[in-house]
Amino acid sequence: MGGRIDPAALGTFELVTESEIEGAFRGWEGDTAFLLANGEVWQQSAWRCRRVHLCCPDIRVWRLGTRFFLEVAGTREIVPVQRVH
């Protein structure tokens, strides 16, 4: 699962955390680590590539069963992740 989503479909997902990425954000590719303002670190767990240029975007991490997905505001996409810190 991943790629483009309809935000309304997130009703079946459980919200895990909300935060932001500090500073410039250039997207993700391969094994990108996402350092959040709240100190958590999430790493991409499946290959996806998306180039964006955002400043301090808000993020949400969602759980569906045992899987986690990171949503970056302004992209309308989610990327599979795992928490590393």
N, C-alpha and C. Protein backbone atom coordinates (compact mmCIF):
# COMPACT_ATOMS: atom_id res chain seq x y z
N MET A 1 0.84 -1.17 0.00
CA MET A 1 0.00 0.00 0.00
C MET A 1 0.88 1.23 0.00
N GLY A 2 0.48 2.27 -0.63
CA GLY A 2 1.22 3.50 -0.69
C GLY A 2 0.78 4.27 -1.91
N GLY A 3 1.40 5.35 -2.19
CA GLY A 3 1.04 6.14 -3.34
C GLY A 3 -0.08 7.10 -3.04
N ARG A 4 -0.82 7.49 -4.06
CA ARG A 4 -1.88 8.49 -3.91
C ARG A 4 -3.06 7.94 -3.12
N ILE A 5 -3.62 8.81 -2.29
CA ILE A 5 -4.74 8.40 -1.45
C ILE A 5 -5.82 9.47 -1.45
N ASP A 6 -7.00 9.07 -1.09
CA ASP A 6 -8.10 9.99 -0.81
C ASP A 6 -8.11 10.18 0.70
N PRO A 7 -7.91 11.41 1.19
CA PRO A 7 -7.86 11.61 2.65
C PRO A 7 -9.06 11.04 3.38
N ALA A 8 -10.22 10.99 2.74
CA ALA A 8 -11.41 10.43 3.38
C ALA A 8 -11.23 8.94 3.68
N ALA A 9 -10.36 8.27 2.92
CA ALA A 9 -10.13 6.84 3.13
C ALA A 9 -9.37 6.57 4.42
N LEU A 10 -8.80 7.60 5.03
CA LEU A 10 -8.02 7.41 6.24
C LEU A 10 -8.88 7.09 7.44
N GLY A 11 -10.18 7.06 7.29
CA GLY A 11 -11.06 6.73 8.39
C GLY A 11 -10.81 5.35 8.97
N THR A 12 -10.27 4.43 8.20
CA THR A 12 -9.97 3.09 8.67
C THR A 12 -8.58 3.00 9.29
N PHE A 13 -7.83 4.06 9.22
CA PHE A 13 -6.49 4.12 9.78
C PHE A 13 -6.56 4.71 11.19
N GLU A 14 -5.58 4.38 12.03
CA GLU A 14 -5.48 4.96 13.37
C GLU A 14 -4.34 5.96 13.38
N LEU A 15 -4.62 7.19 13.84
CA LEU A 15 -3.60 8.22 13.92
C LEU A 15 -2.63 7.88 15.04
N VAL A 16 -1.33 7.85 14.73
CA VAL A 16 -0.29 7.51 15.71
C VAL A 16 0.37 8.77 16.24
N THR A 17 0.74 9.68 15.36
CA THR A 17 1.41 10.92 15.79
C THR A 17 1.21 12.01 14.76
N GLU A 18 1.27 13.24 15.23
CA GLU A 18 1.27 14.43 14.38
C GLU A 18 2.46 15.28 14.79
N SER A 19 3.17 15.80 13.81
CA SER A 19 4.32 16.64 14.09
C SER A 19 4.63 17.42 12.82
N GLU A 20 5.88 17.83 12.67
CA GLU A 20 6.33 18.47 11.44
C GLU A 20 7.78 18.11 11.21
N ILE A 21 8.18 18.27 9.97
CA ILE A 21 9.59 18.10 9.61
C ILE A 21 10.19 19.50 9.64
N GLU A 22 11.23 19.68 10.44
CA GLU A 22 11.84 21.00 10.57
C GLU A 22 12.69 21.34 9.36
N GLY A 23 12.56 22.57 8.89
CA GLY A 23 13.39 23.05 7.80
C GLY A 23 12.91 22.60 6.43
N ALA A 24 13.83 22.65 5.48
CA ALA A 24 13.52 22.30 4.09
C ALA A 24 13.29 20.80 3.97
N PHE A 25 12.30 20.43 3.19
CA PHE A 25 11.98 19.03 2.94
C PHE A 25 11.98 18.81 1.44
N ARG A 26 12.73 17.83 0.99
CA ARG A 26 12.89 17.59 -0.45
C ARG A 26 12.24 16.30 -0.95
N GLY A 27 11.48 15.64 -0.09
CA GLY A 27 10.79 14.43 -0.53
C GLY A 27 11.45 13.18 0.02
N TRP A 28 11.19 12.04 -0.64
CA TRP A 28 11.74 10.77 -0.18
C TRP A 28 12.16 9.91 -1.35
N GLU A 29 13.09 9.02 -1.07
CA GLU A 29 13.58 8.09 -2.08
C GLU A 29 14.27 6.92 -1.38
N GLY A 30 13.78 5.73 -1.60
CA GLY A 30 14.44 4.53 -1.09
C GLY A 30 14.32 4.32 0.40
N ASP A 31 15.30 4.81 1.17
CA ASP A 31 15.31 4.55 2.62
C ASP A 31 15.39 5.85 3.42
N THR A 32 14.69 6.86 2.97
CA THR A 32 14.72 8.17 3.62
C THR A 32 14.32 8.08 5.09
N ALA A 33 15.06 8.77 5.94
CA ALA A 33 14.71 8.89 7.35
C ALA A 33 14.05 10.25 7.55
N PHE A 34 12.95 10.26 8.29
CA PHE A 34 12.19 11.46 8.55
C PHE A 34 12.40 11.85 10.02
N LEU A 35 13.13 12.93 10.27
CA LEU A 35 13.35 13.43 11.62
C LEU A 35 12.26 14.44 11.93
N LEU A 36 11.45 14.14 12.93
CA LEU A 36 10.31 14.98 13.26
C LEU A 36 10.64 15.96 14.37
N ALA A 37 9.91 17.06 14.42
CA ALA A 37 10.13 18.08 15.44
C ALA A 37 9.91 17.55 16.85
N ASN A 38 9.10 16.50 17.00
CA ASN A 38 8.84 15.93 18.33
C ASN A 38 9.94 14.94 18.76
N GLY A 39 10.99 14.78 17.94
CA GLY A 39 12.11 13.91 18.28
C GLY A 39 12.02 12.51 17.72
N GLU A 40 10.86 12.12 17.22
CA GLU A 40 10.73 10.78 16.63
C GLU A 40 11.45 10.72 15.29
N VAL A 41 11.93 9.53 14.95
CA VAL A 41 12.53 9.29 13.64
C VAL A 41 11.82 8.10 13.02
N TRP A 42 11.32 8.31 11.83
CA TRP A 42 10.64 7.26 11.06
C TRP A 42 11.42 7.08 9.77
N GLN A 43 11.56 5.82 9.33
CA GLN A 43 12.31 5.55 8.10
C GLN A 43 11.42 4.83 7.10
N GLN A 44 11.61 5.21 5.87
CA GLN A 44 10.88 4.61 4.77
C GLN A 44 11.13 3.10 4.77
N SER A 45 10.05 2.30 4.66
CA SER A 45 10.20 0.85 4.73
C SER A 45 9.91 0.14 3.40
N ALA A 46 9.52 0.88 2.40
CA ALA A 46 9.30 0.32 1.06
C ALA A 46 9.72 1.38 0.05
N TRP A 47 10.21 0.93 -1.09
CA TRP A 47 10.73 1.88 -2.06
C TRP A 47 9.61 2.70 -2.68
N ARG A 48 9.74 3.99 -2.53
CA ARG A 48 8.88 4.97 -3.17
C ARG A 48 9.76 6.18 -3.45
N CYS A 49 9.40 6.95 -4.45
CA CYS A 49 10.17 8.15 -4.77
C CYS A 49 9.20 9.30 -5.01
N ARG A 50 9.47 10.41 -4.37
CA ARG A 50 8.64 11.61 -4.56
C ARG A 50 9.50 12.82 -4.30
N ARG A 51 9.58 13.71 -5.25
CA ARG A 51 10.34 14.95 -5.10
C ARG A 51 9.36 16.08 -4.83
N VAL A 52 9.60 16.80 -3.75
CA VAL A 52 8.81 17.98 -3.41
C VAL A 52 9.75 19.00 -2.79
N HIS A 53 9.33 20.24 -2.75
CA HIS A 53 10.10 21.29 -2.09
C HIS A 53 9.14 22.01 -1.15
N LEU A 54 9.21 21.64 0.13
CA LEU A 54 8.34 22.21 1.14
C LEU A 54 9.17 22.70 2.32
N CYS A 55 8.64 23.65 3.04
CA CYS A 55 9.32 24.16 4.23
C CYS A 55 8.49 23.79 5.45
N CYS A 56 9.09 23.03 6.36
CA CYS A 56 8.47 22.63 7.63
C CYS A 56 7.08 22.02 7.45
N PRO A 57 6.94 21.02 6.59
CA PRO A 57 5.60 20.46 6.37
C PRO A 57 5.08 19.71 7.60
N ASP A 58 3.78 19.81 7.83
CA ASP A 58 3.12 19.01 8.85
C ASP A 58 3.08 17.57 8.37
N ILE A 59 3.19 16.65 9.31
CA ILE A 59 3.09 15.22 8.97
C ILE A 59 2.15 14.53 9.94
N ARG A 60 1.65 13.41 9.49
CA ARG A 60 0.89 12.51 10.33
C ARG A 60 1.40 11.10 10.06
N VAL A 61 1.49 10.30 11.10
CA VAL A 61 1.81 8.89 10.95
C VAL A 61 0.54 8.12 11.29
N TRP A 62 0.16 7.22 10.40
CA TRP A 62 -1.05 6.42 10.54
C TRP A 62 -0.67 4.96 10.70
N ARG A 63 -1.51 4.21 11.42
CA ARG A 63 -1.31 2.77 11.53
C ARG A 63 -2.52 2.06 10.93
N LEU A 64 -2.23 1.04 10.16
CA LEU A 64 -3.24 0.15 9.62
C LEU A 64 -2.78 -1.26 9.95
N GLY A 65 -3.39 -1.89 10.95
CA GLY A 65 -2.92 -3.19 11.41
C GLY A 65 -1.55 -3.06 12.02
N THR A 66 -0.57 -3.75 11.45
CA THR A 66 0.80 -3.69 11.96
C THR A 66 1.69 -2.79 11.09
N ARG A 67 1.10 -2.14 10.11
CA ARG A 67 1.86 -1.29 9.19
C ARG A 67 1.66 0.18 9.50
N PHE A 68 2.69 0.99 9.22
CA PHE A 68 2.66 2.42 9.48
C PHE A 68 2.90 3.18 8.18
N PHE A 69 2.26 4.34 8.06
CA PHE A 69 2.35 5.16 6.87
C PHE A 69 2.51 6.62 7.27
N LEU A 70 3.40 7.32 6.60
CA LEU A 70 3.64 8.73 6.88
C LEU A 70 3.00 9.55 5.77
N GLU A 71 2.21 10.52 6.19
CA GLU A 71 1.54 11.44 5.27
C GLU A 71 2.17 12.82 5.43
N VAL A 72 2.62 13.40 4.35
CA VAL A 72 3.21 14.74 4.38
C VAL A 72 2.19 15.72 3.79
N ALA A 73 1.83 16.73 4.59
CA ALA A 73 0.86 17.73 4.13
C ALA A 73 1.36 18.37 2.84
N GLY A 74 0.46 18.53 1.90
CA GLY A 74 0.83 19.15 0.63
C GLY A 74 1.20 18.16 -0.46
N THR A 75 1.25 16.85 -0.12
CA THR A 75 1.62 15.87 -1.14
C THR A 75 0.46 14.96 -1.53
N ARG A 76 -0.53 14.78 -0.66
CA ARG A 76 -1.64 13.85 -0.90
C ARG A 76 -1.14 12.43 -1.19
N GLU A 77 -0.03 12.08 -0.59
CA GLU A 77 0.52 10.73 -0.72
C GLU A 77 0.94 10.24 0.65
N ILE A 78 1.05 8.92 0.78
CA ILE A 78 1.60 8.34 1.99
C ILE A 78 2.76 7.44 1.59
N VAL A 79 3.66 7.24 2.55
CA VAL A 79 4.81 6.39 2.30
C VAL A 79 4.91 5.41 3.48
N PRO A 80 5.12 4.12 3.19
CA PRO A 80 5.28 3.14 4.27
C PRO A 80 6.54 3.45 5.08
N VAL A 81 6.40 3.39 6.41
CA VAL A 81 7.53 3.72 7.30
C VAL A 81 7.59 2.75 8.47
N GLN A 82 8.73 2.79 9.17
CA GLN A 82 8.90 2.09 10.44
C GLN A 82 9.59 3.05 11.38
N ARG A 83 9.26 2.96 12.66
CA ARG A 83 9.88 3.87 13.63
C ARG A 83 11.26 3.34 14.00
N VAL A 84 12.26 4.23 13.96
CA VAL A 84 13.62 3.84 14.31
C VAL A 84 14.11 4.53 15.57
N HIS A 85 13.40 5.57 16.03
CA HIS A 85 13.76 6.24 17.28
C HIS A 85 12.57 7.04 17.78
